PDB file of N, CA and C in Angstrom:
ATOM      1  N   MET A   1      98.328 119.646 122.479  1.00  0.00           N
ATOM      2  CA  MET A   1      98.400 119.020 122.043  1.00  0.00           C
ATOM      3  C   MET A   1      97.116 117.739 123.214  1.00  0.00           C
ATOM      4  N   ARG A   2      96.837 118.660 123.882  1.00  0.00           N
ATOM      5  CA  ARG A   2      95.675 117.617 124.640  1.00  0.00           C
ATOM      6  C   ARG A   2      94.171 118.339 123.817  1.00  0.00           C
ATOM      7  N   LYS A   3      94.397 119.060 123.085  1.00  0.00           N
ATOM      8  CA  LYS A   3      93.019 119.652 122.352  1.00  0.00           C
ATOM      9  C   LYS A   3      93.068 118.459 120.960  1.00  0.00           C
ATOM     10  N   LEU A   4      94.607 118.357 120.921  1.00  0.00           N
ATOM     11  CA  LEU A   4      94.653 117.481 119.484  1.00  0.00           C
ATOM     12  C   LEU A   4      94.497 115.965 119.568  1.00  0.00           C
ATOM     13  N   LEU A   5      95.459 115.514 120.374  1.00  0.00           N
ATOM     14  CA  LEU A   5      95.066 114.168 120.388  1.00  0.00           C
ATOM     15  C   LEU A   5      93.712 113.522 120.493  1.00  0.00           C
ATOM     16  N   PRO A   6      92.664 113.558 120.618  1.00  0.00           N
ATOM     17  CA  PRO A   6      91.262 113.338 120.199  1.00  0.00           C
ATOM     18  C   PRO A   6      90.808 113.317 119.133  1.00  0.00           C
ATOM     19  N   ILE A   7      91.173 114.591 118.792  1.00  0.00           N
ATOM     20  CA  ILE A   7      91.443 114.956 116.767  1.00  0.00           C
ATOM     21  C   ILE A   7      92.107 113.739 115.964  1.00  0.00           C
ATOM     22  N   ILE A   8      93.549 113.088 116.594  1.00  0.00           N
ATOM     23  CA  ILE A   8      94.295 112.305 115.863  1.00  0.00           C
ATOM     24  C   ILE A   8      93.582 111.061 115.899  1.00  0.00           C
ATOM     25  N   SER A   9      93.231 110.865 117.340  1.00  0.00           N
ATOM     26  CA  SER A   9      93.116 109.269 117.538  1.00  0.00           C
ATOM     27  C   SER A   9      91.513 108.732 116.997  1.00  0.00           C
ATOM     28  N   VAL A  10      90.851 110.384 116.623  1.00  0.00           N
ATOM     29  CA  VAL A  10      89.281 109.683 115.625  1.00  0.00           C
ATOM     30  C   VAL A  10      89.602 109.582 114.739  1.00  0.00           C
ATOM     31  N   GLY A  11      90.692 109.844 114.119  1.00  0.00           N
ATOM     32  CA  GLY A  11      90.929 109.909 112.628  1.00  0.00           C
ATOM     33  C   GLY A  11      91.861 108.823 112.513  1.00  0.00           C
ATOM     34  N   PHE A  12      92.364 108.273 113.260  1.00  0.00           N
ATOM     35  CA  PHE A  12      93.052 107.149 113.084  1.00  0.00           C
ATOM     36  C   PHE A  12      92.060 105.848 112.683  1.00  0.00           C
ATOM     37  N   SER A  13      91.319 105.715 113.668  1.00  0.00           N
ATOM     38  CA  SER A  13      90.755 105.021 113.677  1.00  0.00           C
ATOM     39  C   SER A  13      89.408 104.811 112.620  1.00  0.00           C
ATOM     40  N   ILE A  14      89.302 105.822 111.952  1.00  0.00           N
ATOM     41  CA  ILE A  14      88.085 106.359 111.060  1.00  0.00           C
ATOM     42  C   ILE A  14      89.110 105.419 109.888  1.00  0.00           C
ATOM     43  N   ALA A  15      90.314 105.887 109.996  1.00  0.00           N
ATOM     44  CA  ALA A  15      90.852 105.218 108.391  1.00  0.00           C
ATOM     45  C   ALA A  15      91.721 104.060 108.539  1.00  0.00           C
ATOM     46  N   LEU A  16      91.307 103.070 109.549  1.00  0.00           N
ATOM     47  CA  LEU A  16      91.294 101.911 110.284  1.00  0.00           C
ATOM     48  C   LEU A  16      90.478 101.617 109.748  1.00  0.00           C
ATOM     49  N   LEU A  17      88.862 101.974 109.814  1.00  0.00           N
ATOM     50  CA  LEU A  17      87.170 101.761 109.759  1.00  0.00           C
ATOM     51  C   LEU A  17      87.684 101.841 108.300  1.00  0.00           C
ATOM     52  N   ILE A  18      88.289 103.213 107.638  1.00  0.00           N
ATOM     53  CA  ILE A  18      87.593 102.445 106.052  1.00  0.00           C
ATOM     54  C   ILE A  18      88.602 101.927 105.603  1.00  0.00           C
ATOM     55  N   ALA A  19      89.781 101.404 105.816  1.00  0.00           N
ATOM     56  CA  ALA A  19      91.066 100.659 105.335  1.00  0.00           C
ATOM     57  C   ALA A  19      90.287  98.948 105.581  1.00  0.00           C
ATOM     58  N   SER A  20      89.992  98.865 106.823  1.00  0.00           N
ATOM     59  CA  SER A  20      89.546  97.558 107.216  1.00  0.00           C
ATOM     60  C   SER A  20      87.825  97.295 106.138  1.00  0.00           C
ATOM     61  N   LEU A  21      87.958  98.457 105.272  1.00  0.00           N
ATOM     62  CA  LEU A  21      86.485  97.819 104.641  1.00  0.00           C
ATOM     63  C   LEU A  21      86.191  97.642 103.304  1.00  0.00           C
ATOM     64  N   ILE A  22      87.260  98.375 102.517  1.00  0.00           N
ATOM     65  CA  ILE A  22      87.641  98.631 101.051  1.00  0.00           C
ATOM     66  C   ILE A  22      88.472  97.323 100.670  1.00  0.00           C
ATOM     67  N   LYS A  23      88.538  97.310  99.584  1.00  0.00           N
ATOM     68  CA  LYS A  23      88.725  96.173  99.149  1.00  0.00           C
ATOM     69  C   LYS A  23      90.342  96.778  98.461  1.00  0.00           C
ATOM     70  N   VAL A  24      91.309  95.655  99.241  1.00  0.00           N
ATOM     71  CA  VAL A  24      92.623  96.774  99.280  1.00  0.00           C
ATOM     72  C   VAL A  24      92.822  96.359  98.490  1.00  0.00           C
ATOM     73  N   GLU A  25      93.178  95.125  97.156  1.00  0.00           N
ATOM     74  CA  GLU A  25      93.596  95.089  96.214  1.00  0.00           C
ATOM     75  C   GLU A  25      93.784  96.293  95.527  1.00  0.00           C
ATOM     76  N   GLU A  26      92.272  96.693  95.081  1.00  0.00           N
ATOM     77  CA  GLU A  26      92.173  97.925  94.427  1.00  0.00           C
ATOM     78  C   GLU A  26      93.282  99.144  95.057  1.00  0.00           C
ATOM     79  N   VAL A  27      92.835  98.756  96.088  1.00  0.00           N
ATOM     80  CA  VAL A  27      94.328 100.682  96.287  1.00  0.00           C
ATOM     81  C   VAL A  27      95.772  99.815  96.366  1.00  0.00           C
ATOM     82  N   VAL A  28      96.218  98.612  97.005  1.00  0.00           N
ATOM     83  CA  VAL A  28      97.455  98.745  97.258  1.00  0.00           C
ATOM     84  C   VAL A  28      97.448  97.208  97.474  1.00  0.00           C
ATOM     85  N   GLU A  29      98.734  96.342  96.757  1.00  0.00           N
ATOM     86  CA  GLU A  29      99.106  94.867  96.898  1.00  0.00           C
ATOM     87  C   GLU A  29      99.894  94.821  97.852  1.00  0.00           C
ATOM     88  N   LEU A  30      99.260  93.941  98.616  1.00  0.00           N
ATOM     89  CA  LEU A  30      99.803  93.594 100.068  1.00  0.00           C
ATOM     90  C   LEU A  30     100.035  92.108 100.442  1.00  0.00           C
ATOM     91  N   PRO A  31     101.546  91.926 100.684  1.00  0.00           N
ATOM     92  CA  PRO A  31     101.688  90.305 101.006  1.00  0.00           C
ATOM     93  C   PRO A  31     101.361  89.834 102.067  1.00  0.00           C
ATOM     94  N   LYS A  32     100.381  88.388 101.295  1.00  0.00           N
ATOM     95  CA  LYS A  32      99.386  87.926 101.866  1.00  0.00           C
ATOM     96  C   LYS A  32     100.180  87.340 103.697  1.00  0.00           C
ATOM     97  N   SER A  33     101.129  87.539 103.871  1.00  0.00           N
ATOM     98  CA  SER A  33     102.118  87.133 104.446  1.00  0.00           C
ATOM     99  C   SER A  33     102.748  88.195 106.275  1.00  0.00           C
ATOM    100  N   ASN A  34     102.416  88.950 105.274  1.00  0.00           N
ATOM    101  CA  ASN A  34     102.344  90.377 105.931  1.00  0.00           C
ATOM    102  C   ASN A  34     101.021  90.761 106.765  1.00  0.00           C
ATOM    103  N   ASP A  35     100.350  90.291 106.479  1.00  0.00           N
ATOM    104  CA  ASP A  35      98.743  90.400 107.039  1.00  0.00           C
ATOM    105  C   ASP A  35      98.548  91.008 108.091  1.00  0.00           C
ATOM    106  N   LYS A  36      99.094  89.511 109.145  1.00  0.00           N
ATOM    107  CA  LYS A  36      98.820  89.878 110.953  1.00  0.00           C
ATOM    108  C   LYS A  36      99.756  91.069 111.302  1.00  0.00           C
ATOM    109  N   VAL A  37     100.931  90.992 110.254  1.00  0.00           N
ATOM    110  CA  VAL A  37     102.021  91.754 110.926  1.00  0.00           C
ATOM    111  C   VAL A  37     101.182  93.205 111.065  1.00  0.00           C
ATOM    112  N   ILE A  38     101.124  93.364 109.503  1.00  0.00           N
ATOM    113  CA  ILE A  38      99.871  94.741 109.371  1.00  0.00           C
ATOM    114  C   ILE A  38      98.975  95.089 110.734  1.00  0.00           C
ATOM    115  N   HIS A  39      98.020  94.205 110.816  1.00  0.00           N
ATOM    116  CA  HIS A  39      97.034  94.420 111.902  1.00  0.00           C
ATOM    117  C   HIS A  39      97.817  94.649 113.165  1.00  0.00           C
ATOM    118  N   ALA A  40      98.651  93.923 113.528  1.00  0.00           N
ATOM    119  CA  ALA A  40      99.225  94.171 114.741  1.00  0.00           C
ATOM    120  C   ALA A  40     100.073  95.645 115.040  1.00  0.00           C
ATOM    121  N   ILE A  41     100.680  95.889 114.262  1.00  0.00           N
ATOM    122  CA  ILE A  41     101.073  97.728 114.053  1.00  0.00           C
ATOM    123  C   ILE A  41     100.106  98.483 113.700  1.00  0.00           C
ATOM    124  N   ALA A  42      98.767  98.219 113.561  1.00  0.00           N
ATOM    125  CA  ALA A  42      97.736  99.343 112.933  1.00  0.00           C
ATOM    126  C   ALA A  42      97.426  98.813 114.343  1.00  0.00           C
ATOM    127  N   TYR A  43      96.959  97.916 115.186  1.00  0.00           N
ATOM    128  CA  TYR A  43      95.916  97.697 116.671  1.00  0.00           C
ATOM    129  C   TYR A  43      97.448  98.191 118.099  1.00  0.00           C
ATOM    130  N   PHE A  44      98.749  98.369 117.079  1.00  0.00           N
ATOM    131  CA  PHE A  44      99.613  99.062 118.151  1.00  0.00           C
ATOM    132  C   PHE A  44      99.288 100.657 118.274  1.00  0.00           C
ATOM    133  N   VAL A  45      99.469 101.047 117.526  1.00  0.00           N
ATOM    134  CA  VAL A  45      99.151 102.707 116.973  1.00  0.00           C
ATOM    135  C   VAL A  45      98.389 103.190 117.506  1.00  0.00           C
ATOM    136  N   PHE A  46      97.073 102.247 117.303  1.00  0.00           N
ATOM    137  CA  PHE A  46      95.474 102.710 117.608  1.00  0.00           C
ATOM    138  C   PHE A  46      95.562 102.729 119.242  1.00  0.00           C
ATOM    139  N   THR A  47      96.386 101.440 119.903  1.00  0.00           N
ATOM    140  CA  THR A  47      96.015 101.880 121.326  1.00  0.00           C
ATOM    141  C   THR A  47      96.735 102.693 121.963  1.00  0.00           C
ATOM    142  N   PHE A  48      98.432 103.359 121.381  1.00  0.00           N
ATOM    143  CA  PHE A  48      99.360 104.123 121.584  1.00  0.00           C
ATOM    144  C   PHE A  48      98.414 105.067 121.748  1.00  0.00           C
ATOM    145  N   LEU A  49      97.776 105.762 120.590  1.00  0.00           N
ATOM    146  CA  LEU A  49      97.129 106.939 120.741  1.00  0.00           C
ATOM    147  C   LEU A  49      95.817 107.503 121.341  1.00  0.00           C
ATOM    148  N   TRP A  50      94.832 106.309 121.560  1.00  0.00           N
ATOM    149  CA  TRP A  50      93.990 105.660 122.804  1.00  0.00           C
ATOM    150  C   TRP A  50      94.658 106.343 124.014  1.00  0.00           C
ATOM    151  N   PHE A  51      95.676 105.291 124.346  1.00  0.00           N
ATOM    152  CA  PHE A  51      96.003 105.228 125.700  1.00  0.00           C
ATOM    153  C   PHE A  51      95.716 107.308 125.938  1.00  0.00           C
ATOM    154  N   PHE A  52      96.807 107.916 124.957  1.00  0.00           N
ATOM    155  CA  PHE A  52      97.163 109.080 125.531  1.00  0.00           C
ATOM    156  C   PHE A  52      96.006 109.771 125.146  1.00  0.00           C
ATOM    157  N   THR A  53      94.980 109.486 124.183  1.00  0.00           N
ATOM    158  CA  THR A  53      94.063 110.291 124.651  1.00  0.00           C
ATOM    159  C   THR A  53      93.247 110.634 125.921  1.00  0.00           C
ATOM    160  N   PHE A  54      93.192 109.061 126.122  1.00  0.00           N
ATOM    161  CA  PHE A  54      92.618 108.897 127.789  1.00  0.00           C
ATOM    162  C   PHE A  54      92.879 109.683 128.984  1.00  0.00           C
ATOM    163  N   LEU A  55      94.743 109.502 128.682  1.00  0.00           N
ATOM    164  CA  LEU A  55      95.607 109.620 129.692  1.00  0.00           C
ATOM    165  C   LEU A  55      95.786 111.183 129.541  1.00  0.00           C
ATOM    166  N   ILE A  56      95.796 112.140 128.920  1.00  0.00           N
ATOM    167  CA  ILE A  56      96.359 112.796 128.777  1.00  0.00           C
ATOM    168  C   ILE A  56      94.885 114.353 128.475  1.00  0.00           C
ATOM    169  N   SER A  57      93.668 113.561 127.502  1.00  0.00           N
ATOM    170  CA  SER A  57      92.899 115.103 127.406  1.00  0.00           C
ATOM    171  C   SER A  57      91.790 114.440 127.939  1.00  0.00           C
ATOM    172  N   PHE A  58      91.221 113.600 128.611  1.00  0.00           N
ATOM    173  CA  PHE A  58      90.152 112.645 129.235  1.00  0.00           C
ATOM    174  C   PHE A  58      91.010 112.901 130.515  1.00  0.00           C
ATOM    175  N   LYS A  59      92.087 113.080 131.117  1.00  0.00           N
ATOM    176  CA  LYS A  59      92.574 113.031 132.340  1.00  0.00           C
ATOM    177  C   LYS A  59      92.287 111.819 133.614  1.00  0.00           C
ATOM    178  N   LYS A  60      92.559 110.215 132.416  1.00  0.00           N
ATOM    179  CA  LYS A  60      91.999 109.389 132.962  1.00  0.00           C
ATOM    180  C   LYS A  60      93.194 108.916 134.078  1.00  0.00           C
ATOM    181  N   SER A  61      93.320 108.127 134.945  1.00  0.00           N
ATOM    182  CA  SER A  61      94.944 107.432 135.716  1.00  0.00           C
ATOM    183  C   SER A  61      95.290 106.903 134.500  1.00  0.00           C
ATOM    184  N   LYS A  62      96.124 106.414 135.157  1.00  0.00           N
ATOM    185  CA  LYS A  62      97.032 105.164 133.862  1.00  0.00           C
ATOM    186  C   LYS A  62      96.105 103.775 133.708  1.00  0.00           C
ATOM    187  N   SER A  63      95.771 103.337 134.586  1.00  0.00           N
ATOM    188  CA  SER A  63      94.980 101.831 134.791  1.00  0.00           C
ATOM    189  C   SER A  63      93.660 102.405 134.188  1.00  0.00           C
ATOM    190  N   GLN A  64      93.248 103.112 134.481  1.00  0.00           N
ATOM    191  CA  GLN A  64      91.848 103.366 134.030  1.00  0.00           C
ATOM    192  C   GLN A  64      92.117 103.738 132.328  1.00  0.00           C
ATOM    193  N   ALA A  65      93.012 104.572 131.739  1.00  0.00           N
ATOM    194  CA  ALA A  65      93.756 105.047 130.352  1.00  0.00           C
ATOM    195  C   ALA A  65      93.600 103.658 129.440  1.00  0.00           C
ATOM    196  N   ILE A  66      94.064 102.196 130.970  1.00  0.00           N
ATOM    197  CA  ILE A  66      95.020 101.051 129.887  1.00  0.00           C
ATOM    198  C   ILE A  66      93.682 100.363 129.552  1.00  0.00           C
ATOM    199  N   LYS A  67      92.377 100.008 131.076  1.00  0.00           N
ATOM    200  CA  LYS A  67      91.307  99.362 130.774  1.00  0.00           C
ATOM    201  C   LYS A  67      91.047  99.660 130.067  1.00  0.00           C
ATOM    202  N   ILE A  68      90.347 100.872 129.707  1.00  0.00           N
ATOM    203  CA  ILE A  68      89.212 101.740 128.451  1.00  0.00           C
ATOM    204  C   ILE A  68      90.205 101.389 127.540  1.00  0.00           C
ATOM    205  N   THR A  69      91.577 101.476 126.916  1.00  0.00           N
ATOM    206  CA  THR A  69      92.056 101.412 125.988  1.00  0.00           C
ATOM    207  C   THR A  69      92.052 100.270 125.670  1.00  0.00           C
ATOM    208  N   VAL A  70      92.121  99.101 126.077  1.00  0.00           N
ATOM    209  CA  VAL A  70      92.173  97.416 125.750  1.00  0.00           C
ATOM    210  C   VAL A  70      90.829  97.509 125.531  1.00  0.00           C
ATOM    211  N   ILE A  71      89.505  97.369 125.959  1.00  0.00           N
ATOM    212  CA  ILE A  71      88.499  97.431 126.105  1.00  0.00           C
ATOM    213  C   ILE A  71      87.307  97.831 124.393  1.00  0.00           C
ATOM    214  N   TYR A  72      88.314  99.362 124.432  1.00  0.00           N
ATOM    215  CA  TYR A  72      87.709  99.671 123.065  1.00  0.00           C
ATOM    216  C   TYR A  72      88.865  99.329 121.687  1.00  0.00           C
ATOM    217  N   SER A  73      89.794  98.415 122.008  1.00  0.00           N
ATOM    218  CA  SER A  73      90.357  98.292 120.732  1.00  0.00           C
ATOM    219  C   SER A  73      90.379  96.733 120.337  1.00  0.00           C
ATOM    220  N   VAL A  74      90.181  96.356 121.806  1.00  0.00           N
ATOM    221  CA  VAL A  74      89.095  94.516 121.526  1.00  0.00           C
ATOM    222  C   VAL A  74      88.021  95.115 121.037  1.00  0.00           C
ATOM    223  N   ILE A  75      86.852  95.221 120.817  1.00  0.00           N
ATOM    224  CA  ILE A  75      85.379  95.766 120.690  1.00  0.00           C
ATOM    225  C   ILE A  75      86.118  96.084 119.007  1.00  0.00           C
ATOM    226  N   PHE A  76      86.479  96.842 119.182  1.00  0.00           N
ATOM    227  CA  PHE A  76      86.714  97.418 118.087  1.00  0.00           C
ATOM    228  C   PHE A  76      87.257  96.753 116.713  1.00  0.00           C
ATOM    229  N   GLY A  77      87.844  95.849 116.750  1.00  0.00           N
ATOM    230  CA  GLY A  77      88.676  95.338 115.893  1.00  0.00           C
ATOM    231  C   GLY A  77      87.468  93.957 116.439  1.00  0.00           C
ATOM    232  N   ILE A  78      86.833  94.047 116.930  1.00  0.00           N
ATOM    233  CA  ILE A  78      85.498  92.361 116.725  1.00  0.00           C
ATOM    234  C   ILE A  78      84.699  92.669 115.985  1.00  0.00           C
ATOM    235  N   VAL A  79      84.138  94.503 115.954  1.00  0.00           N
ATOM    236  CA  VAL A  79      83.307  95.124 115.423  1.00  0.00           C
ATOM    237  C   VAL A  79      83.351  95.246 113.684  1.00  0.00           C
ATOM    238  N   ILE A  80      85.049  95.542 113.498  1.00  0.00           N
ATOM    239  CA  ILE A  80      85.249  95.436 112.523  1.00  0.00           C
ATOM    240  C   ILE A  80      85.660  94.467 111.219  1.00  0.00           C
ATOM    241  N   GLU A  81      85.657  92.812 112.187  1.00  0.00           N
ATOM    242  CA  GLU A  81      85.674  91.738 111.753  1.00  0.00           C
ATOM    243  C   GLU A  81      84.201  91.492 111.665  1.00  0.00           C
ATOM    244  N   VAL A  82      83.356  92.096 112.602  1.00  0.00           N
ATOM    245  CA  VAL A  82      81.726  91.351 112.067  1.00  0.00           C
ATOM    246  C   VAL A  82      81.230  92.255 110.717  1.00  0.00           C
ATOM    247  N   LEU A  83      81.161  93.486 110.744  1.00  0.00           N
ATOM    248  CA  LEU A  83      80.976  94.507 109.372  1.00  0.00           C
ATOM    249  C   LEU A  83      82.011  93.588 108.000  1.00  0.00           C
ATOM    250  N   GLN A  84      83.238  93.460 108.199  1.00  0.00           N
ATOM    251  CA  GLN A  84      83.500  92.996 107.231  1.00  0.00           C
ATOM    252  C   GLN A  84      83.048  91.976 106.550  1.00  0.00           C
ATOM    253  N   GLN A  85      82.600  91.140 107.242  1.00  0.00           N
ATOM    254  CA  GLN A  85      81.880  89.601 106.940  1.00  0.00           C
ATOM    255  C   GLN A  85      80.624  90.129 106.357  1.00  0.00           C
ATOM    256  N   VAL A  86      79.708  91.007 107.546  1.00  0.00           N
ATOM    257  CA  VAL A  86      78.439  91.215 107.314  1.00  0.00           C
ATOM    258  C   VAL A  86      77.876  92.149 105.473  1.00  0.00           C
ATOM    259  N   THR A  87      79.020  93.636 105.565  1.00  0.00           N
ATOM    260  CA  THR A  87      78.665  94.412 104.538  1.00  0.00           C
ATOM    261  C   THR A  87      79.722  94.352 103.759  1.00  0.00           C
ATOM    262  N   THR A  88      80.919  93.890 103.412  1.00  0.00           N
ATOM    263  CA  THR A  88      81.394  93.218 102.191  1.00  0.00           C
ATOM    264  C   THR A  88      81.202  92.381 101.570  1.00  0.00           C
ATOM    265  N   GLN A  89      81.927  92.585  99.926  1.00  0.00           N
ATOM    266  CA  GLN A  89      81.341  90.995  99.640  1.00  0.00           C
ATOM    267  C   GLN A  89      83.115  90.988  98.831  1.00  0.00           C
ATOM    268  N   SER A  90      84.143  91.287  99.366  1.00  0.00           N
ATOM    269  CA  SER A  90      85.613  91.170  98.949  1.00  0.00           C
ATOM    270  C   SER A  90      86.234  90.933 100.319  1.00  0.00           C
ATOM    271  N   ARG A  91      85.508  90.722 101.635  1.00  0.00           N
ATOM    272  CA  ARG A  91      86.479  90.575 102.759  1.00  0.00           C
ATOM    273  C   ARG A  91      85.775  90.217 103.467  1.00  0.00           C
ATOM    274  N   GLN A  92      86.438  89.026 104.543  1.00  0.00           N
ATOM    275  CA  GLN A  92      85.707  88.119 105.606  1.00  0.00           C
ATOM    276  C   GLN A  92      86.324  88.396 106.907  1.00  0.00           C
ATOM    277  N   ALA A  93      85.198  87.831 107.424  1.00  0.00           N
ATOM    278  CA  ALA A  93      85.727  87.995 109.171  1.00  0.00           C
ATOM    279  C   ALA A  93      86.933  86.635 109.359  1.00  0.00           C
ATOM    280  N   ASP A  94      87.673  86.912 110.431  1.00  0.00           N
ATOM    281  CA  ASP A  94      88.846  85.786 110.210  1.00  0.00           C
ATOM    282  C   ASP A  94      89.302  86.201 111.993  1.00  0.00           C
ATOM    283  N   TYR A  95      89.072  85.419 112.743  1.00  0.00           N
ATOM    284  CA  TYR A  95      89.215  85.364 114.001  1.00  0.00           C
ATOM    285  C   TYR A  95      90.626  85.718 114.269  1.00  0.00           C
ATOM    286  N   LYS A  96      92.059  85.190 113.179  1.00  0.00           N
ATOM    287  CA  LYS A  96      93.473  85.312 113.375  1.00  0.00           C
ATOM    288  C   LYS A  96      93.800  87.008 113.532  1.00  0.00           C
ATOM    289  N   ASP A  97      92.972  87.594 112.317  1.00  0.00           N
ATOM    290  CA  ASP A  97      92.964  89.283 113.203  1.00  0.00           C
ATOM    291  C   ASP A  97      92.541  89.595 113.313  1.00  0.00           C
ATOM    292  N   VAL A  98      91.188  89.325 114.546  1.00  0.00           N
ATOM    293  CA  VAL A  98      91.305  89.771 116.145  1.00  0.00           C
ATOM    294  C   VAL A  98      92.950  89.153 117.016  1.00  0.00           C
ATOM    295  N   LEU A  99      93.179  88.184 116.560  1.00  0.00           N
ATOM    296  CA  LEU A  99      94.624  87.751 117.971  1.00  0.00           C
ATOM    297  C   LEU A  99      95.323  88.799 117.553  1.00  0.00           C
ATOM    298  N   ALA A 100      95.627  89.042 116.339  1.00  0.00           N
ATOM    299  CA  ALA A 100      96.425  89.586 115.366  1.00  0.00           C
ATOM    300  C   ALA A 100      96.367  91.086 115.673  1.00  0.00           C
ATOM    301  N   ASN A 101      94.662  91.904 116.325  1.00  0.00           N
ATOM    302  CA  ASN A 101      94.924  92.511 116.707  1.00  0.00           C
ATOM    303  C   ASN A 101      95.384  93.258 117.954  1.00  0.00           C
ATOM    304  N   ILE A 102      94.735  91.785 118.779  1.00  0.00           N
ATOM    305  CA  ILE A 102      94.722  91.970 120.212  1.00  0.00           C
ATOM    306  C   ILE A 102      96.265  92.013 120.471  1.00  0.00           C
ATOM    307  N   THR A 103      96.848  91.361 119.797  1.00  0.00           N
ATOM    308  CA  THR A 103      98.569  91.470 119.923  1.00  0.00           C
ATOM    309  C   THR A 103      99.424  92.399 119.648  1.00  0.00           C
ATOM    310  N   GLY A 104      99.012  93.152 119.065  1.00  0.00           N
ATOM    311  CA  GLY A 104      99.364  94.775 119.145  1.00  0.00           C
ATOM    312  C   GLY A 104      98.415  95.280 120.052  1.00  0.00           C
ATOM    313  N   THR A 105      97.922  95.007 120.262  1.00  0.00           N
ATOM    314  CA  THR A 105      97.622  95.677 121.901  1.00  0.00           C
ATOM    315  C   THR A 105      98.294  95.411 123.143  1.00  0.00           C
ATOM    316  N   LEU A 106      98.783  94.044 122.743  1.00  0.00           N
ATOM    317  CA  LEU A 106      98.775  93.813 124.327  1.00  0.00           C
ATOM    318  C   LEU A 106     100.339  94.414 124.282  1.00  0.00           C
ATOM    319  N   ILE A 107     101.327  94.730 123.165  1.00  0.00           N
ATOM    320  CA  ILE A 107     102.467  95.247 122.189  1.00  0.00           C
ATOM    321  C   ILE A 107     102.990  96.238 123.034  1.00  0.00           C
ATOM    322  N   ALA A 108     101.680  97.080 122.634  1.00  0.00           N
ATOM    323  CA  ALA A 108     101.558  98.702 123.450  1.00  0.00           C
ATOM    324  C   ALA A 108     101.675  99.000 124.490  1.00  0.00           C
ATOM    325  N   VAL A 109     100.899  98.041 124.539  1.00  0.00           N
ATOM    326  CA  VAL A 109     100.314  98.265 126.541  1.00  0.00           C
ATOM    327  C   VAL A 109     101.772  97.811 126.985  1.00  0.00           C
ATOM    328  N   LEU A 110     102.316  96.634 126.976  1.00  0.00           N
ATOM    329  CA  LEU A 110     103.501  96.727 127.726  1.00  0.00           C
ATOM    330  C   LEU A 110     104.397  97.733 127.675  1.00  0.00           C
ATOM    331  N   LEU A 111     104.244  98.499 126.145  1.00  0.00           N
ATOM    332  CA  LEU A 111     105.466  99.486 125.968  1.00  0.00           C
ATOM    333  C   LEU A 111     104.934 100.589 126.677  1.00  0.00           C
ATOM    334  N   ILE A 112     103.511 101.024 126.771  1.00  0.00           N
ATOM    335  CA  ILE A 112     103.231 101.777 127.256  1.00  0.00           C
ATOM    336  C   ILE A 112     103.524 102.083 128.800  1.00  0.00           C
ATOM    337  N   ASN A 113     103.805 100.391 129.407  1.00  0.00           N
ATOM    338  CA  ASN A 113     103.889  99.932 131.197  1.00  0.00           C
ATOM    339  C   ASN A 113     105.685 100.412 131.386  1.00  0.00           C
ATOM    340  N   ILE A 114     106.288 100.265 130.033  1.00  0.00           N
ATOM    341  CA  ILE A 114     107.817 100.446 130.184  1.00  0.00           C
ATOM    342  C   ILE A 114     108.035 101.581 130.672  1.00  0.00           C
ATOM    343  N   ILE A 115     107.079 101.843 129.649  1.00  0.00           N
ATOM    344  CA  ILE A 115     107.630 104.257 129.285  1.00  0.00           C
ATOM    345  C   ILE A 115     107.125 105.050 130.654  1.00  0.00           C
ATOM    346  N   THR A 116     106.020 104.624 130.920  1.00  0.00           N
ATOM    347  CA  THR A 116     105.215 105.305 132.157  1.00  0.00           C
ATOM    348  C   THR A 116     106.450 105.090 133.296  1.00  0.00           C
ATOM    349  N   ASN A 117     106.803 103.475 133.186  1.00  0.00           N
ATOM    350  CA  ASN A 117     107.297 103.198 134.574  1.00  0.00           C
ATOM    351  C   ASN A 117     108.894 103.881 134.486  1.00  0.00           C
ATOM    352  N   LEU A 118     109.528 103.787 133.561  1.00  0.00           N
ATOM    353  CA  LEU A 118     110.471 104.522 133.319  1.00  0.00           C
ATOM    354  C   LEU A 118     110.470 106.205 134.223  1.00  0.00           C
ATOM    355  N   LYS A 119     109.719 106.692 133.093  1.00  0.00           N
ATOM    356  CA  LYS A 119     109.126 108.093 133.180  1.00  0.00           C
ATOM    357  C   LYS A 119     108.620 108.466 135.012  1.00  0.00           C
ATOM    358  N   VAL A 120     108.297 107.433 135.469  1.00  0.00           N
ATOM    359  CA  VAL A 120     107.905 107.823 136.979  1.00  0.00           C
ATOM    360  C   VAL A 120     109.724 107.279 137.625  1.00  0.00           C
ATOM    361  N   LYS A 121     110.558 106.798 137.376  1.00  0.00           N
ATOM    362  CA  LYS A 121     111.150 106.361 138.332  1.00  0.00           C
ATOM    363  C   LYS A 121     112.769 107.547 138.215  1.00  0.00           C
ATOM    364  N   ASN A 122     112.919 108.376 137.112  1.00  0.00           N
ATOM    365  CA  ASN A 122     113.460 109.271 135.598  1.00  0.00           C
ATOM    366  C   ASN A 122     113.292 110.602 137.499  1.00  0.00           C
ATOM    367  N   ASN A 123     111.881 111.079 137.678  1.00  0.00           N
ATOM    368  CA  ASN A 123     111.336 111.630 138.298  1.00  0.00           C
ATOM    369  C   ASN A 123     111.799 111.091 139.865  1.00  0.00           C
TER     370      ASN A 123
END
């Protein structure tokens, strides 16, 4: 699992990048009302994967893994929004998407803290 986590995390990151830059309507039709929820879920998964990659594969402490993951997640989300504005004609940057991404990241961090604290209490 230790060697597989980075591959899964990088793969998910690439898939998220591609999904964020293609013209979505040509692939699948998404209801506009679910757009921010989809962003939050995507960054929840992104954060969860990268946290455990840094914790297990790169042997960072819990606090280091959380800090690195949150910074990486926020920067990644902002870069994607900028790329949407600069490199595509069908997508545009939206600060609300960045806020939805951050919300997903923070919910993941909250759940990570709950899970890891429960694990410590049970040991």
